[in-house]
Every structure is written in C-alpha cells, then in structure tokens.
Amino acid sequence: MILRTFGWSFVVTVVGLLIALLYGNATGLALVAVLAVLEISLSFDNAVVNAKVLDRMSEFWQKIFLTVGIAIAVFGMRLVFPLLIVGITAKLNPVEAVDLALNDSHRYHELMNDAYPMIAAFGGMFLMMLFLDFVFEERAEKWLPWLEKPLARIGKLDQLAVVVAGGSLAFVAWLSADDPGNVMIAGVLGMVTYILVNGLGELFSEAGDDEDDEDGDEDGAEGAERGSSGRSGPSPLALATGKAGFFLFLYLEVLDASFSFDGVIGAFAISTDPIIIALGLGIGAMYIRSLTVFLVRKGTLHEYVYLEHGAHWAIGALAVCMLVSIGHHVPEWITGGLGAGLIIAAFVSSVVRNRGAGGGPAAEAGEDERLHAGKV
C-alpha cells in the first residue's frame, strides 16, 4: 500500500536530490531537502481538503489529477509561475525572465517580493472563501461546537461569506497595502475564481446526480440491493464524471495554486535559485499528491471525522496570514505551525471521539470506505 501510493514520490525524490547534487553540490542537496520538508509542512492541510474532493471524483478524473495534475503542480506552479509573475511585473518576455532568474537572482527575488501583495490577495481570498463556506454551513458533526454552532446559525444569511471576505479584503487593502487598487483587484479576482470554479463543479455534480436518480428509478431493484449493502460514501454512480469531474479537477488545481503561493514566496528566504526552489518544492508537491491518494484509499477522513474540520480551520489561518503578509512579513514557521497544530488537534479529537463511541459507526464507516477505495 505504501509503496504503491508513494512509489513515484520516492522516485522523484531520488532523481531530484541527484540533480540537486550535480547542480549545486552538497549545498544544493541540503537546500532542496529543506525546501521539500517546508512544502510538505505548509501544505498538509491541502492534502486533507484535496482528499475530500478527490473522493467525489471518478477513477478517470482521479488518474488525471495524479498525472496531468502533478505536471501542473510541479512544473507549472513551482517553476513556470514565478517566472510568469516576474515577467509580467517587470514587463519582460519569457526568455528575459529566465535569463534574469538564472543570472541575477537578487533582482529576481526583488521582483517576486514586489508582486507578493497581489499574489497574497488572490490566494488569500480564494482560501478565505473556501474556509467561510465551510464554517457557515450547518453540519451534523461539529469539532468545536461552541464556535461552529453560532457560525452555522449566522451563516444562514445569504452571501455572508462574500460579505465577510470582501470586507476583510477592503480593510487590509486600506490599512496595509502600498498599492490598494492592485491588491483589491487581485483579491476580487481570487473571490470570483472561487465562486466560479466551485459553483460550476457543484452545478455539474447536481446535474450528474439527477441523471443517476433517473437511472435508479428505472432499475429500482438493483438500487435497493445497493442500498441494503450499508456502504457509506459515494456510490460509483454518484462519483463526478464528465463536466463535473473536469470542474472538480480545475477546482483542485486552483486550490493547489493558492496553497503554493505562500510556499513559493517563502522559499526565497532559503534560496534565490529558481532551479533549487523548483526541485525542492516539486518533491514536496509529489508527497502532498501521494498523501492525498493515501487518505482517500484508507478512508481516513471518514474514520477521523474531525480532520476535515481541522484542515479548514488551518486554511482559514493560512488565509489570514496571507492577508496580514500584504503589509507585514509573517514567518513561515507561524503559518506552518498553525496548520500542523490545528490538524494534529483535530486528529487527536477524532481518536478520542472514536474511542468514546467504542469504534461503532465511525469505525464501521471507515472500514467500508477503505474497502470501497481499494477498488479505485
């Protein structure tokens, strides 16, 4: 199970470290290793949220996420994206941007820092909308009932997430941004991207569910037999395919991009060499992908029900850190520590809950999900 899930990550690690050794000697090797650990620590909550979405996707779109998605994450976001940002900021063509990155890393770093407020505004707003949509929704399971119950109650107000996120963006742009106009534009684009991609995914998922319901009416006996099996989680018919799968895939890629913004910028505190940064963050991104698949196949989110809550609270903390960082530097150990701490606390709470329940419904649901995921 471990080798099948993390096999490619191990291969990429070996190849990446060898390239780092040849490219930058022992120093390059050490920097790549540190960057890989940094990426994993900053993005663990990303893996948990990814697993929740991936569990809704068909086998075909899961494979697309693990092939095309990896190429986009590793090469697109960790190598091409910084070059693109620098090129747009400094009005350079791609060749000039690459030349600047390889031959004037100090100037390259300065341009990335100049663009960071807009990057943080876009990513922070996307993640803020994701967090608010989660906490404002009524849920049967509550990790922090003293806080989640009142949030779900006020969340009945239509479009409250947009109001809170937009108000936060305006306040930060007015208080901290050197260029409030560009920060506002980038933040609004982040909100619009979330609303569009998330909305399209839900739209086509609902359309697919309606078609499945019609098919189930035509074959009631078979549906009853499936229902009597007691299996939890999405049935094969309920998994997102076609347009729904595509938009869920697109949603995952934008989500990954939002998480990677902070890591890409933070990596410059360790190294300004774009090749070293791409190698280190690329290795880390591979492990996040593998961890996502592991969580799905093991049914971990169904067995440890508060993990999803912890991950979303970690996303909220990261969103706040990104908004604060528009005007003030936030050390990477704070963002990484907050995320890891919240997820660990949620995991411990889940273990306590399961023991208190005697391994009843939650454990059975987890076992059923593992059996189902093993077929994927």
Protein backbone atom coordinates (compact mmCIF):
# COMPACT_ATOMS: atom_id res chain seq x y z
CA MET A 1 0.00 0.00 0.00
CA ILE A 2 2.75 2.47 0.99
CA LEU A 3 4.96 1.60 -1.98
CA ARG A 4 2.05 1.67 -4.43
CA THR A 5 0.89 5.06 -3.18
CA PHE A 6 4.22 6.78 -2.51
CA GLY A 7 6.34 4.93 -5.08
CA TRP A 8 6.53 7.76 -7.60
CA SER A 9 7.24 10.24 -4.82
CA PHE A 10 10.23 8.14 -3.74
CA VAL A 11 11.47 8.01 -7.34
CA VAL A 12 11.08 11.77 -7.82
CA THR A 13 12.87 12.36 -4.50
CA VAL A 14 15.89 10.30 -5.57
CA VAL A 15 16.05 11.89 -9.02
CA GLY A 16 15.52 15.41 -7.64
CA LEU A 17 18.22 15.03 -4.99
CA LEU A 18 20.67 13.65 -7.56
CA ILE A 19 20.01 16.61 -9.86
CA ALA A 20 20.45 18.97 -6.89
CA LEU A 21 23.76 17.33 -6.03
CA LEU A 22 25.03 17.64 -9.59
CA TYR A 23 23.71 21.16 -9.99
CA GLY A 24 24.60 22.68 -6.64
CA ASN A 25 26.91 20.21 -4.90
CA ALA A 26 26.26 19.34 -1.24
CA THR A 27 24.81 22.79 -0.57
CA GLY A 28 22.23 22.39 -3.31
CA LEU A 29 21.33 18.94 -1.99
CA ALA A 30 20.76 20.28 1.52
CA LEU A 31 18.68 23.25 0.29
CA VAL A 32 16.43 21.02 -1.83
CA ALA A 33 15.86 18.70 1.14
CA VAL A 34 14.93 21.64 3.40
CA LEU A 35 12.57 23.10 0.78
CA ALA A 36 10.84 19.74 0.32
CA VAL A 37 10.20 19.49 4.06
CA LEU A 38 8.97 23.11 4.09
CA GLU A 39 6.49 22.43 1.30
CA ILE A 40 5.11 19.31 2.99
CA SER A 41 4.71 21.05 6.34
CA LEU A 42 2.95 24.07 4.79
CA SER A 43 0.63 22.01 2.58
CA PHE A 44 -0.55 19.10 4.74
CA ASP A 45 -3.94 20.77 5.16
CA ASN A 46 -4.06 20.99 1.36
CA ALA A 47 -3.80 17.18 1.17
CA VAL A 48 -6.71 16.73 3.59
CA VAL A 49 -9.01 19.06 1.62
CA ASN A 50 -7.85 17.57 -1.69
CA ALA A 51 -8.72 14.09 -0.40
CA LYS A 52 -12.27 15.19 0.41
CA VAL A 53 -12.76 16.46 -3.15
CA LEU A 54 -10.88 13.56 -4.80
CA ASP A 55 -13.17 11.10 -3.03
CA ARG A 56 -16.06 12.55 -5.08
CA MET A 57 -14.29 12.08 -8.43
CA SER A 58 -14.47 9.11 -10.77
CA GLU A 59 -11.48 6.83 -11.31
CA PHE A 60 -10.70 8.56 -14.62
CA TRP A 61 -10.50 12.03 -13.06
CA GLN A 62 -8.53 10.71 -10.12
CA LYS A 63 -5.93 9.44 -12.60
CA ILE A 64 -5.95 12.82 -14.40
CA PHE A 65 -5.31 14.52 -11.04
CA LEU A 66 -2.37 12.17 -10.41
CA THR A 67 -0.80 12.64 -13.87
CA VAL A 68 -1.67 15.92 -15.54
CA GLY A 69 -2.31 17.50 -12.14
CA ILE A 70 1.16 16.61 -10.90
CA ALA A 71 2.76 18.12 -14.01
CA ILE A 72 0.81 21.35 -13.43
CA ALA A 73 1.67 21.43 -9.73
CA VAL A 74 5.36 20.60 -10.03
CA PHE A 75 6.36 22.37 -13.25
CA GLY A 76 3.58 24.91 -13.64
CA MET A 77 3.24 26.37 -10.14
CA ARG A 78 6.75 25.76 -8.79
CA LEU A 79 8.78 26.72 -11.88
CA VAL A 80 6.72 28.49 -14.56
CA PHE A 81 4.50 30.54 -12.24
CA PRO A 82 7.33 32.52 -10.56
CA LEU A 83 8.86 33.25 -13.97
CA LEU A 84 5.47 34.37 -15.27
CA ILE A 85 4.92 36.70 -12.32
CA VAL A 86 8.37 38.24 -12.72
CA GLY A 87 7.85 38.62 -16.47
CA ILE A 88 4.52 40.41 -16.02
CA THR A 89 5.78 42.61 -13.17
CA ALA A 90 8.97 43.69 -14.94
CA LYS A 91 7.40 43.61 -18.44
CA LEU A 92 9.90 41.02 -19.67
CA ASN A 93 9.44 38.36 -22.33
CA PRO A 94 9.83 34.69 -21.23
CA VAL A 95 13.46 34.46 -22.40
CA GLU A 96 14.43 37.60 -20.49
CA ALA A 97 12.62 36.36 -17.37
CA VAL A 98 14.51 33.05 -17.47
CA ASP A 99 17.81 34.88 -18.04
CA LEU A 100 17.09 37.16 -15.07
CA ALA A 101 16.26 34.18 -12.84
CA LEU A 102 19.46 32.34 -13.73
CA ASN A 103 21.88 35.26 -13.83
CA ASP A 104 20.51 37.90 -11.43
CA SER A 105 18.76 36.03 -8.62
CA HIS A 106 18.84 39.08 -6.34
CA ARG A 107 16.81 41.20 -8.80
CA TYR A 108 14.56 38.21 -9.48
CA HIS A 109 13.84 37.95 -5.75
CA GLU A 110 13.10 41.67 -5.53
CA LEU A 111 10.55 41.46 -8.34
CA MET A 112 8.84 38.47 -6.71
CA ASN A 113 8.60 40.40 -3.43
CA ASP A 114 7.16 43.40 -5.26
CA ALA A 115 4.43 41.18 -6.73
CA TYR A 116 3.72 39.35 -3.48
CA PRO A 117 0.91 41.64 -2.16
CA MET A 118 -1.19 40.88 -5.25
CA ILE A 119 -0.34 37.17 -5.11
CA ALA A 120 -1.24 37.04 -1.41
CA ALA A 121 -4.50 38.91 -2.03
CA PHE A 122 -5.59 36.47 -4.76
CA GLY A 123 -4.62 33.33 -2.86
CA GLY A 124 -5.79 34.64 0.49
CA MET A 125 -9.24 35.49 -0.84
CA PHE A 126 -9.64 32.13 -2.58
CA LEU A 127 -8.73 30.29 0.63
CA MET A 128 -10.83 32.65 2.77
CA MET A 129 -13.92 31.89 0.67
CA LEU A 130 -13.25 28.16 0.97
CA PHE A 131 -12.94 28.44 4.75
CA LEU A 132 -16.01 30.65 5.20
CA ASP A 133 -18.20 28.42 3.03
CA PHE A 134 -17.25 25.52 5.29
CA VAL A 135 -17.80 27.16 8.69
CA PHE A 136 -21.03 28.91 7.66
CA GLU A 137 -22.64 25.61 6.60
CA GLU A 138 -24.72 23.53 9.00
CA ARG A 139 -23.06 20.15 9.67
CA ALA A 140 -24.07 17.11 11.67
CA GLU A 141 -20.56 16.70 13.08
CA LYS A 142 -19.04 19.65 14.91
CA TRP A 143 -15.46 19.70 16.13
CA LEU A 144 -15.74 22.99 18.05
CA PRO A 145 -19.48 23.21 18.78
CA TRP A 146 -19.14 26.33 20.95
CA LEU A 147 -17.83 28.16 17.86
CA GLU A 148 -19.19 26.20 14.89
CA LYS A 149 -22.83 26.29 16.04
CA PRO A 150 -23.14 30.10 16.12
CA LEU A 151 -21.17 30.39 12.87
CA ALA A 152 -23.55 27.95 11.16
CA ARG A 153 -26.50 29.89 12.59
CA ILE A 154 -25.38 33.25 11.20
CA GLY A 155 -24.28 31.50 8.01
CA LYS A 156 -27.95 31.22 7.03
CA LEU A 157 -27.68 34.85 5.94
CA ASP A 158 -27.36 34.68 2.16
CA GLN A 159 -23.91 35.51 0.72
CA LEU A 160 -22.42 36.13 4.17
CA ALA A 161 -19.12 34.55 3.06
CA VAL A 162 -18.81 37.12 0.27
CA VAL A 163 -19.61 39.96 2.68
CA VAL A 164 -17.03 38.86 5.26
CA ALA A 165 -14.31 38.11 2.70
CA GLY A 166 -14.89 41.33 0.79
CA GLY A 167 -14.91 43.39 3.97
CA SER A 168 -11.67 41.76 5.12
CA LEU A 169 -10.04 42.48 1.77
CA ALA A 170 -11.09 46.13 1.80
CA PHE A 171 -9.86 46.59 5.37
CA VAL A 172 -6.45 45.02 4.66
CA ALA A 173 -6.01 46.95 1.40
CA TRP A 174 -6.84 50.24 3.16
CA LEU A 175 -4.72 49.52 6.23
CA SER A 176 -1.61 47.77 4.91
CA ALA A 177 -1.25 47.82 1.13
CA ASP A 178 1.16 50.18 -0.60
CA ASP A 179 -0.96 49.84 -3.75
CA PRO A 180 -4.56 49.31 -2.54
CA GLY A 181 -6.03 49.35 -6.04
CA ASN A 182 -4.00 46.40 -7.36
CA VAL A 183 -4.48 44.47 -4.12
CA MET A 184 -8.25 44.96 -4.34
CA ILE A 185 -8.32 43.83 -7.98
CA ALA A 186 -6.25 40.71 -7.22
CA GLY A 187 -8.36 39.86 -4.17
CA VAL A 188 -11.65 40.27 -6.04
CA LEU A 189 -10.29 38.04 -8.82
CA GLY A 190 -9.50 35.41 -6.17
CA MET A 191 -13.07 35.57 -4.87
CA VAL A 192 -14.54 35.44 -8.37
CA THR A 193 -12.34 32.46 -9.27
CA TYR A 194 -13.51 30.55 -6.21
CA ILE A 195 -17.19 31.33 -6.79
CA LEU A 196 -16.97 30.41 -10.48
CA VAL A 197 -14.97 27.19 -10.22
CA ASN A 198 -16.75 25.94 -7.10
CA GLY A 199 -20.15 26.86 -8.49
CA LEU A 200 -19.56 25.11 -11.81
CA GLY A 201 -18.35 21.99 -10.03
CA GLU A 202 -21.48 21.87 -7.86
CA LEU A 203 -23.74 22.64 -10.83
CA PHE A 204 -22.50 19.74 -12.92
CA SER A 205 -22.32 17.44 -9.90
CA GLU A 206 -26.01 18.10 -9.22
CA ALA A 207 -26.83 17.52 -12.87
CA GLY A 208 -25.00 14.20 -12.74
CA ASP A 209 -26.81 13.21 -9.54
CA ASP A 210 -30.18 13.95 -11.19
CA GLU A 211 -29.29 11.67 -14.10
CA ASP A 212 -28.23 8.97 -11.65
CA ASP A 213 -31.56 9.30 -9.83
CA GLU A 214 -33.42 8.79 -13.10
CA ASP A 215 -31.35 5.72 -13.85
CA GLY A 216 -32.04 4.45 -10.34
CA ASP A 217 -35.81 4.81 -10.86
CA GLU A 218 -35.58 2.67 -13.97
CA ASP A 219 -33.68 -0.01 -12.12
CA GLY A 220 -35.20 0.10 -8.63
CA ALA A 221 -34.42 -3.45 -7.69
CA GLU A 222 -30.71 -3.03 -8.34
CA GLY A 223 -30.70 0.27 -6.45
CA ALA A 224 -32.42 -1.32 -3.45
CA GLU A 225 -29.83 -4.05 -3.42
CA ARG A 226 -27.04 -1.49 -3.41
CA GLY A 227 -28.74 0.46 -0.65
CA SER A 228 -29.10 -2.60 1.55
CA SER A 229 -25.35 -3.19 1.46
CA GLY A 230 -24.92 -0.36 4.01
CA ARG A 231 -21.85 1.03 2.30
CA SER A 232 -21.10 4.62 3.24
CA GLY A 233 -19.59 7.27 0.99
CA PRO A 234 -20.38 7.95 -2.66
CA SER A 235 -21.55 5.06 -4.78
CA PRO A 236 -19.93 4.56 -8.21
CA LEU A 237 -22.93 6.26 -9.82
CA ALA A 238 -22.56 9.29 -7.57
CA LEU A 239 -18.90 9.89 -8.42
CA ALA A 240 -18.30 13.01 -10.51
CA THR A 241 -17.66 12.29 -14.18
CA GLY A 242 -17.59 14.32 -17.39
CA LYS A 243 -18.02 18.07 -16.87
CA ALA A 244 -18.48 17.66 -13.10
CA GLY A 245 -15.18 15.78 -12.86
CA PHE A 246 -13.44 18.39 -15.01
CA PHE A 247 -14.56 21.29 -12.84
CA LEU A 248 -13.66 19.44 -9.66
CA PHE A 249 -10.22 18.84 -11.19
CA LEU A 250 -9.98 22.54 -12.08
CA TYR A 251 -11.05 23.42 -8.53
CA LEU A 252 -8.29 21.22 -7.11
CA GLU A 253 -5.67 22.85 -9.33
CA VAL A 254 -6.68 26.38 -8.33
CA LEU A 255 -6.76 25.26 -4.69
CA ASP A 256 -3.25 23.83 -5.03
CA ALA A 257 -2.09 27.04 -6.66
CA SER A 258 -3.49 29.10 -3.78
CA PHE A 259 -1.63 26.94 -1.28
CA SER A 260 1.59 27.08 -3.29
CA PHE A 261 1.76 30.90 -3.42
CA ASP A 262 2.95 31.18 0.16
CA GLY A 263 5.44 28.33 -0.21
CA VAL A 264 6.95 29.71 -3.43
CA ILE A 265 7.49 33.15 -1.92
CA GLY A 266 8.69 31.73 1.39
CA ALA A 267 11.21 29.55 -0.42
CA PHE A 268 13.20 32.66 -1.36
CA ALA A 269 14.15 33.01 2.30
CA ILE A 270 16.08 29.75 1.87
CA SER A 271 17.36 30.05 -1.69
CA THR A 272 17.01 32.50 -4.60
CA ASP A 273 17.99 29.93 -7.22
CA PRO A 274 14.83 29.06 -9.24
CA ILE A 275 16.16 25.58 -10.10
CA ILE A 276 16.78 24.71 -6.44
CA ILE A 277 13.36 26.11 -5.48
CA ALA A 278 11.58 24.16 -8.22
CA LEU A 279 13.33 20.91 -7.25
CA GLY A 280 12.61 21.26 -3.53
CA LEU A 281 9.00 22.40 -3.84
CA GLY A 282 8.38 19.88 -6.63
CA ILE A 283 9.46 16.98 -4.41
CA GLY A 284 7.22 18.31 -1.65
CA ALA A 285 4.28 18.65 -4.06
CA MET A 286 4.68 15.00 -5.09
CA TYR A 287 4.36 13.86 -1.47
CA ILE A 288 1.27 16.01 -0.97
CA ARG A 289 -0.30 14.33 -4.02
CA SER A 290 0.62 10.87 -2.72
CA LEU A 291 -0.68 11.73 0.74
CA THR A 292 -3.97 12.84 -0.81
CA VAL A 293 -4.36 9.44 -2.51
CA PHE A 294 -3.38 7.65 0.70
CA LEU A 295 -6.09 9.46 2.67
CA VAL A 296 -8.68 8.53 0.04
CA ARG A 297 -7.71 4.86 -0.18
CA LYS A 298 -7.53 4.42 3.58
CA GLY A 299 -10.83 6.20 4.17
CA THR A 300 -9.06 8.32 6.77
CA LEU A 301 -11.43 11.29 6.54
CA HIS A 302 -14.41 9.05 7.21
CA GLU A 303 -12.75 7.35 10.16
CA TYR A 304 -11.27 10.51 11.69
CA VAL A 305 -14.18 12.85 11.07
CA TYR A 306 -12.67 16.00 12.60
CA LEU A 307 -9.66 16.02 10.26
CA GLU A 308 -11.67 17.85 7.63
CA HIS A 309 -12.67 20.46 10.21
CA GLY A 310 -9.07 20.91 11.34
CA ALA A 311 -7.89 21.28 7.76
CA HIS A 312 -10.44 24.00 7.02
CA TRP A 313 -9.55 25.90 10.19
CA ALA A 314 -5.92 25.62 9.10
CA ILE A 315 -6.93 27.03 5.71
CA GLY A 316 -8.64 29.93 7.49
CA ALA A 317 -5.47 30.57 9.49
CA LEU A 318 -3.37 30.48 6.30
CA ALA A 319 -5.77 32.89 4.57
CA VAL A 320 -5.47 35.34 7.46
CA CYS A 321 -1.67 35.01 7.44
CA MET A 322 -1.58 35.72 3.71
CA LEU A 323 -3.72 38.84 4.13
CA VAL A 324 -1.58 40.06 7.04
CA SER A 325 1.56 39.42 4.98
CA ILE A 326 0.41 42.01 2.43
CA GLY A 327 1.74 44.65 4.81
CA HIS A 328 3.81 42.70 7.33
CA HIS A 329 6.09 39.70 6.97
CA VAL A 330 4.73 36.53 8.57
CA PRO A 331 7.42 33.90 9.26
CA GLU A 332 6.88 30.53 7.59
CA TRP A 333 7.11 28.72 10.94
CA ILE A 334 3.96 30.54 12.07
CA THR A 335 1.86 29.55 9.05
CA GLY A 336 3.23 26.01 9.02
CA GLY A 337 2.95 25.66 12.80
CA LEU A 338 -0.65 26.88 12.91
CA GLY A 339 -1.72 24.48 10.17
CA ALA A 340 0.07 21.48 11.66
CA GLY A 341 -1.17 22.28 15.17
CA LEU A 342 -4.82 22.52 14.12
CA ILE A 343 -4.69 19.29 12.14
CA ILE A 344 -2.95 17.41 14.96
CA ALA A 345 -5.56 18.70 17.42
CA ALA A 346 -8.37 17.60 15.08
CA PHE A 347 -6.79 14.15 14.69
CA VAL A 348 -6.46 13.71 18.47
CA SER A 349 -10.09 14.82 18.92
CA SER A 350 -11.16 12.26 16.30
CA VAL A 351 -9.29 9.48 18.10
CA VAL A 352 -10.91 10.42 21.42
CA ARG A 353 -14.33 10.53 19.74
CA ASN A 354 -13.87 7.09 18.16
CA ARG A 355 -12.75 5.55 21.45
CA GLY A 356 -15.69 7.11 23.22
CA ALA A 357 -18.02 5.62 20.62
CA GLY A 358 -16.41 2.21 21.07
CA GLY A 359 -15.36 2.09 17.44
CA GLY A 360 -19.01 1.93 16.41
CA PRO A 361 -20.45 3.77 13.41
CA ALA A 362 -17.36 5.83 12.70
CA ALA A 363 -15.07 2.81 12.63
CA GLU A 364 -17.52 0.84 10.50
CA ALA A 365 -17.85 3.73 8.08
CA GLY A 366 -14.07 3.98 7.85
CA GLU A 367 -13.75 0.27 7.13
CA ASP A 368 -16.44 0.43 4.44
CA GLU A 369 -14.70 3.39 2.82
CA ARG A 370 -11.36 1.57 2.82
CA LEU A 371 -12.95 -1.41 1.11
CA HIS A 372 -14.57 0.87 -1.47
CA ALA A 373 -11.41 2.94 -2.01
CA GLY A 374 -9.37 -0.22 -2.52
CA LYS A 375 -11.36 -0.85 -5.67
CA VAL A 376 -10.49 2.60 -7.07
